[in-house]
Amino acid sequence: MDKDIENVKFGEHLAKLRIKRGISQEALALQSGINRTYMGEVERGEKSPSLVVISKIAKGLGISKKDLMDYE
């Protein structure tokens, strides 16, 4: 499966933010109201999250959507 580079960059950024906060992937998925399998797919760059999912993840991390999207 070819991964879109933007999805990969976002996923890497998300994983770094999560790890920096000492949160497991499963815990973040739970806090965000997202399936843990889907969270893993997002972090690996296999899925492209919708704006709704981005909002949920930002809330789960306790950060703004802007900070979550600042991965360049």
N, C-alpha and C. Protein backbone atom coordinates (compact mmCIF):
# COMPACT_ATOMS: atom_id res chain seq x y z
N MET A 1 0.84 -1.18 0.00
CA MET A 1 0.00 0.00 0.00
C MET A 1 0.89 1.24 0.00
N ASP A 2 0.66 2.14 -0.94
CA ASP A 2 1.40 3.39 -0.99
C ASP A 2 0.82 4.36 0.03
N LYS A 3 1.71 4.93 0.82
CA LYS A 3 1.29 5.89 1.84
C LYS A 3 1.52 7.30 1.31
N ASP A 4 0.56 8.17 1.51
CA ASP A 4 0.70 9.57 1.14
C ASP A 4 1.67 10.23 2.12
N ILE A 5 2.62 10.99 1.61
CA ILE A 5 3.66 11.59 2.44
C ILE A 5 3.07 12.52 3.51
N GLU A 6 2.00 13.20 3.19
CA GLU A 6 1.37 14.09 4.19
C GLU A 6 0.79 13.28 5.35
N ASN A 7 0.19 12.15 5.03
CA ASN A 7 -0.34 11.27 6.09
C ASN A 7 0.80 10.75 6.96
N VAL A 8 1.92 10.40 6.34
CA VAL A 8 3.07 9.89 7.09
C VAL A 8 3.63 10.98 8.00
N LYS A 9 3.79 12.19 7.48
CA LYS A 9 4.31 13.30 8.29
C LYS A 9 3.38 13.60 9.47
N PHE A 10 2.09 13.63 9.20
CA PHE A 10 1.13 13.89 10.27
C PHE A 10 1.19 12.79 11.32
N GLY A 11 1.23 11.55 10.87
CA GLY A 11 1.28 10.42 11.80
C GLY A 11 2.52 10.44 12.67
N GLU A 12 3.66 10.78 12.08
CA GLU A 12 4.90 10.87 12.85
C GLU A 12 4.82 11.98 13.89
N HIS A 13 4.26 13.10 13.49
CA HIS A 13 4.09 14.24 14.41
C HIS A 13 3.15 13.86 15.55
N LEU A 14 2.06 13.21 15.22
CA LEU A 14 1.10 12.77 16.23
C LEU A 14 1.76 11.83 17.23
N ALA A 15 2.52 10.87 16.72
CA ALA A 15 3.19 9.91 17.61
C ALA A 15 4.18 10.62 18.54
N LYS A 16 4.92 11.58 18.00
CA LYS A 16 5.88 12.34 18.83
C LYS A 16 5.15 13.10 19.94
N LEU A 17 4.05 13.75 19.60
CA LEU A 17 3.29 14.49 20.60
C LEU A 17 2.75 13.55 21.67
N ARG A 18 2.25 12.42 21.25
CA ARG A 18 1.69 11.44 22.19
C ARG A 18 2.77 10.90 23.13
N ILE A 19 3.89 10.53 22.58
CA ILE A 19 4.99 9.98 23.37
C ILE A 19 5.54 11.03 24.33
N LYS A 20 5.66 12.26 23.84
CA LYS A 20 6.14 13.37 24.69
C LYS A 20 5.27 13.54 25.93
N ARG A 21 3.98 13.26 25.79
CA ARG A 21 3.05 13.39 26.91
C ARG A 21 2.96 12.10 27.74
N GLY A 22 3.68 11.07 27.31
CA GLY A 22 3.68 9.82 28.05
C GLY A 22 2.37 9.05 27.99
N ILE A 23 1.67 9.19 26.87
CA ILE A 23 0.37 8.54 26.69
C ILE A 23 0.53 7.39 25.71
N SER A 24 -0.05 6.25 26.03
CA SER A 24 -0.02 5.13 25.09
C SER A 24 -0.99 5.41 23.94
N GLN A 25 -0.79 4.72 22.86
CA GLN A 25 -1.68 4.85 21.71
C GLN A 25 -3.10 4.48 22.10
N GLU A 26 -3.22 3.42 22.87
CA GLU A 26 -4.54 2.97 23.31
C GLU A 26 -5.21 3.99 24.21
N ALA A 27 -4.45 4.59 25.13
CA ALA A 27 -5.01 5.60 26.04
C ALA A 27 -5.46 6.84 25.26
N LEU A 28 -4.65 7.27 24.30
CA LEU A 28 -5.04 8.43 23.50
C LEU A 28 -6.30 8.14 22.69
N ALA A 29 -6.38 6.96 22.13
CA ALA A 29 -7.57 6.59 21.37
C ALA A 29 -8.80 6.65 22.28
N LEU A 30 -8.67 6.12 23.47
CA LEU A 30 -9.78 6.12 24.43
C LEU A 30 -10.16 7.55 24.81
N GLN A 31 -9.16 8.38 25.12
CA GLN A 31 -9.41 9.78 25.50
C GLN A 31 -10.03 10.58 24.35
N SER A 32 -9.72 10.17 23.13
CA SER A 32 -10.20 10.89 21.96
C SER A 32 -11.52 10.34 21.42
N GLY A 33 -11.95 9.19 21.92
CA GLY A 33 -13.17 8.58 21.41
C GLY A 33 -13.00 7.99 20.03
N ILE A 34 -11.80 7.45 19.78
CA ILE A 34 -11.47 6.88 18.47
C ILE A 34 -11.05 5.43 18.66
N ASN A 35 -11.38 4.60 17.70
CA ASN A 35 -10.97 3.21 17.75
C ASN A 35 -9.45 3.12 17.78
N ARG A 36 -8.90 2.28 18.66
CA ARG A 36 -7.44 2.21 18.81
C ARG A 36 -6.75 1.69 17.55
N THR A 37 -7.42 0.82 16.81
CA THR A 37 -6.84 0.33 15.55
C THR A 37 -6.73 1.47 14.56
N TYR A 38 -7.75 2.30 14.49
CA TYR A 38 -7.74 3.45 13.58
C TYR A 38 -6.63 4.42 13.99
N MET A 39 -6.44 4.64 15.30
CA MET A 39 -5.39 5.54 15.78
C MET A 39 -4.03 5.05 15.29
N GLY A 40 -3.80 3.74 15.37
CA GLY A 40 -2.55 3.17 14.88
C GLY A 40 -2.36 3.39 13.39
N GLU A 41 -3.44 3.24 12.64
CA GLU A 41 -3.37 3.46 11.19
C GLU A 41 -3.05 4.92 10.87
N VAL A 42 -3.60 5.83 11.65
CA VAL A 42 -3.31 7.26 11.45
C VAL A 42 -1.83 7.52 11.75
N GLU A 43 -1.34 7.00 12.87
CA GLU A 43 0.06 7.22 13.23
C GLU A 43 1.03 6.61 12.22
N ARG A 44 0.65 5.51 11.60
CA ARG A 44 1.51 4.88 10.59
C ARG A 44 1.36 5.52 9.21
N GLY A 45 0.47 6.49 9.07
CA GLY A 45 0.27 7.16 7.79
C GLY A 45 -0.57 6.38 6.82
N GLU A 46 -1.29 5.38 7.33
CA GLU A 46 -2.13 4.54 6.46
C GLU A 46 -3.52 5.13 6.24
N LYS A 47 -3.95 5.99 7.14
CA LYS A 47 -5.27 6.61 7.04
C LYS A 47 -5.12 8.12 7.12
N SER A 48 -6.04 8.81 6.46
CA SER A 48 -6.08 10.27 6.47
C SER A 48 -7.27 10.70 7.35
N PRO A 49 -6.99 11.25 8.54
CA PRO A 49 -8.09 11.59 9.44
C PRO A 49 -8.91 12.77 8.94
N SER A 50 -10.20 12.72 9.22
CA SER A 50 -11.09 13.83 8.88
C SER A 50 -10.88 14.98 9.87
N LEU A 51 -11.48 16.10 9.59
CA LEU A 51 -11.39 17.24 10.51
C LEU A 51 -12.02 16.91 11.86
N VAL A 52 -13.07 16.13 11.84
CA VAL A 52 -13.71 15.71 13.09
C VAL A 52 -12.74 14.88 13.93
N VAL A 53 -12.05 13.95 13.29
CA VAL A 53 -11.09 13.11 14.00
C VAL A 53 -9.91 13.95 14.49
N ILE A 54 -9.43 14.87 13.68
CA ILE A 54 -8.34 15.75 14.10
C ILE A 54 -8.75 16.53 15.34
N SER A 55 -9.97 17.02 15.36
CA SER A 55 -10.47 17.75 16.54
C SER A 55 -10.51 16.86 17.77
N LYS A 56 -10.95 15.63 17.60
CA LYS A 56 -11.02 14.69 18.72
C LYS A 56 -9.63 14.36 19.26
N ILE A 57 -8.67 14.15 18.35
CA ILE A 57 -7.31 13.83 18.77
C ILE A 57 -6.69 15.03 19.51
N ALA A 58 -6.88 16.23 18.97
CA ALA A 58 -6.34 17.43 19.63
C ALA A 58 -6.90 17.55 21.04
N LYS A 59 -8.20 17.34 21.16
CA LYS A 59 -8.83 17.41 22.48
C LYS A 59 -8.26 16.33 23.40
N GLY A 60 -8.07 15.13 22.88
CA GLY A 60 -7.51 14.03 23.66
C GLY A 60 -6.11 14.32 24.14
N LEU A 61 -5.33 15.06 23.33
CA LEU A 61 -3.98 15.44 23.70
C LEU A 61 -3.95 16.70 24.57
N GLY A 62 -5.07 17.41 24.60
CA GLY A 62 -5.12 18.66 25.36
C GLY A 62 -4.39 19.79 24.68
N ILE A 63 -4.40 19.79 23.33
CA ILE A 63 -3.75 20.84 22.56
C ILE A 63 -4.73 21.39 21.53
N SER A 64 -4.34 22.47 20.88
CA SER A 64 -5.18 23.06 19.84
C SER A 64 -5.03 22.27 18.54
N LYS A 65 -6.02 22.39 17.69
CA LYS A 65 -5.94 21.77 16.37
C LYS A 65 -4.75 22.35 15.60
N LYS A 66 -4.50 23.63 15.80
CA LYS A 66 -3.38 24.29 15.13
C LYS A 66 -2.06 23.63 15.52
N ASP A 67 -1.87 23.37 16.81
CA ASP A 67 -0.64 22.72 17.25
C ASP A 67 -0.52 21.29 16.72
N LEU A 68 -1.63 20.61 16.65
CA LEU A 68 -1.63 19.25 16.11
C LEU A 68 -1.26 19.25 14.63
N MET A 69 -1.71 20.27 13.91
CA MET A 69 -1.46 20.33 12.48
C MET A 69 -0.13 20.99 12.12
N ASP A 70 0.62 21.47 13.11
CA ASP A 70 1.89 22.16 12.86
C ASP A 70 3.03 21.14 12.78
N TYR A 71 3.06 20.39 11.70
CA TYR A 71 4.05 19.33 11.57
C TYR A 71 5.07 19.57 10.47
N GLU A 72 5.02 20.70 9.83
CA GLU A 72 5.98 21.01 8.76
C GLU A 72 7.29 21.48 9.32
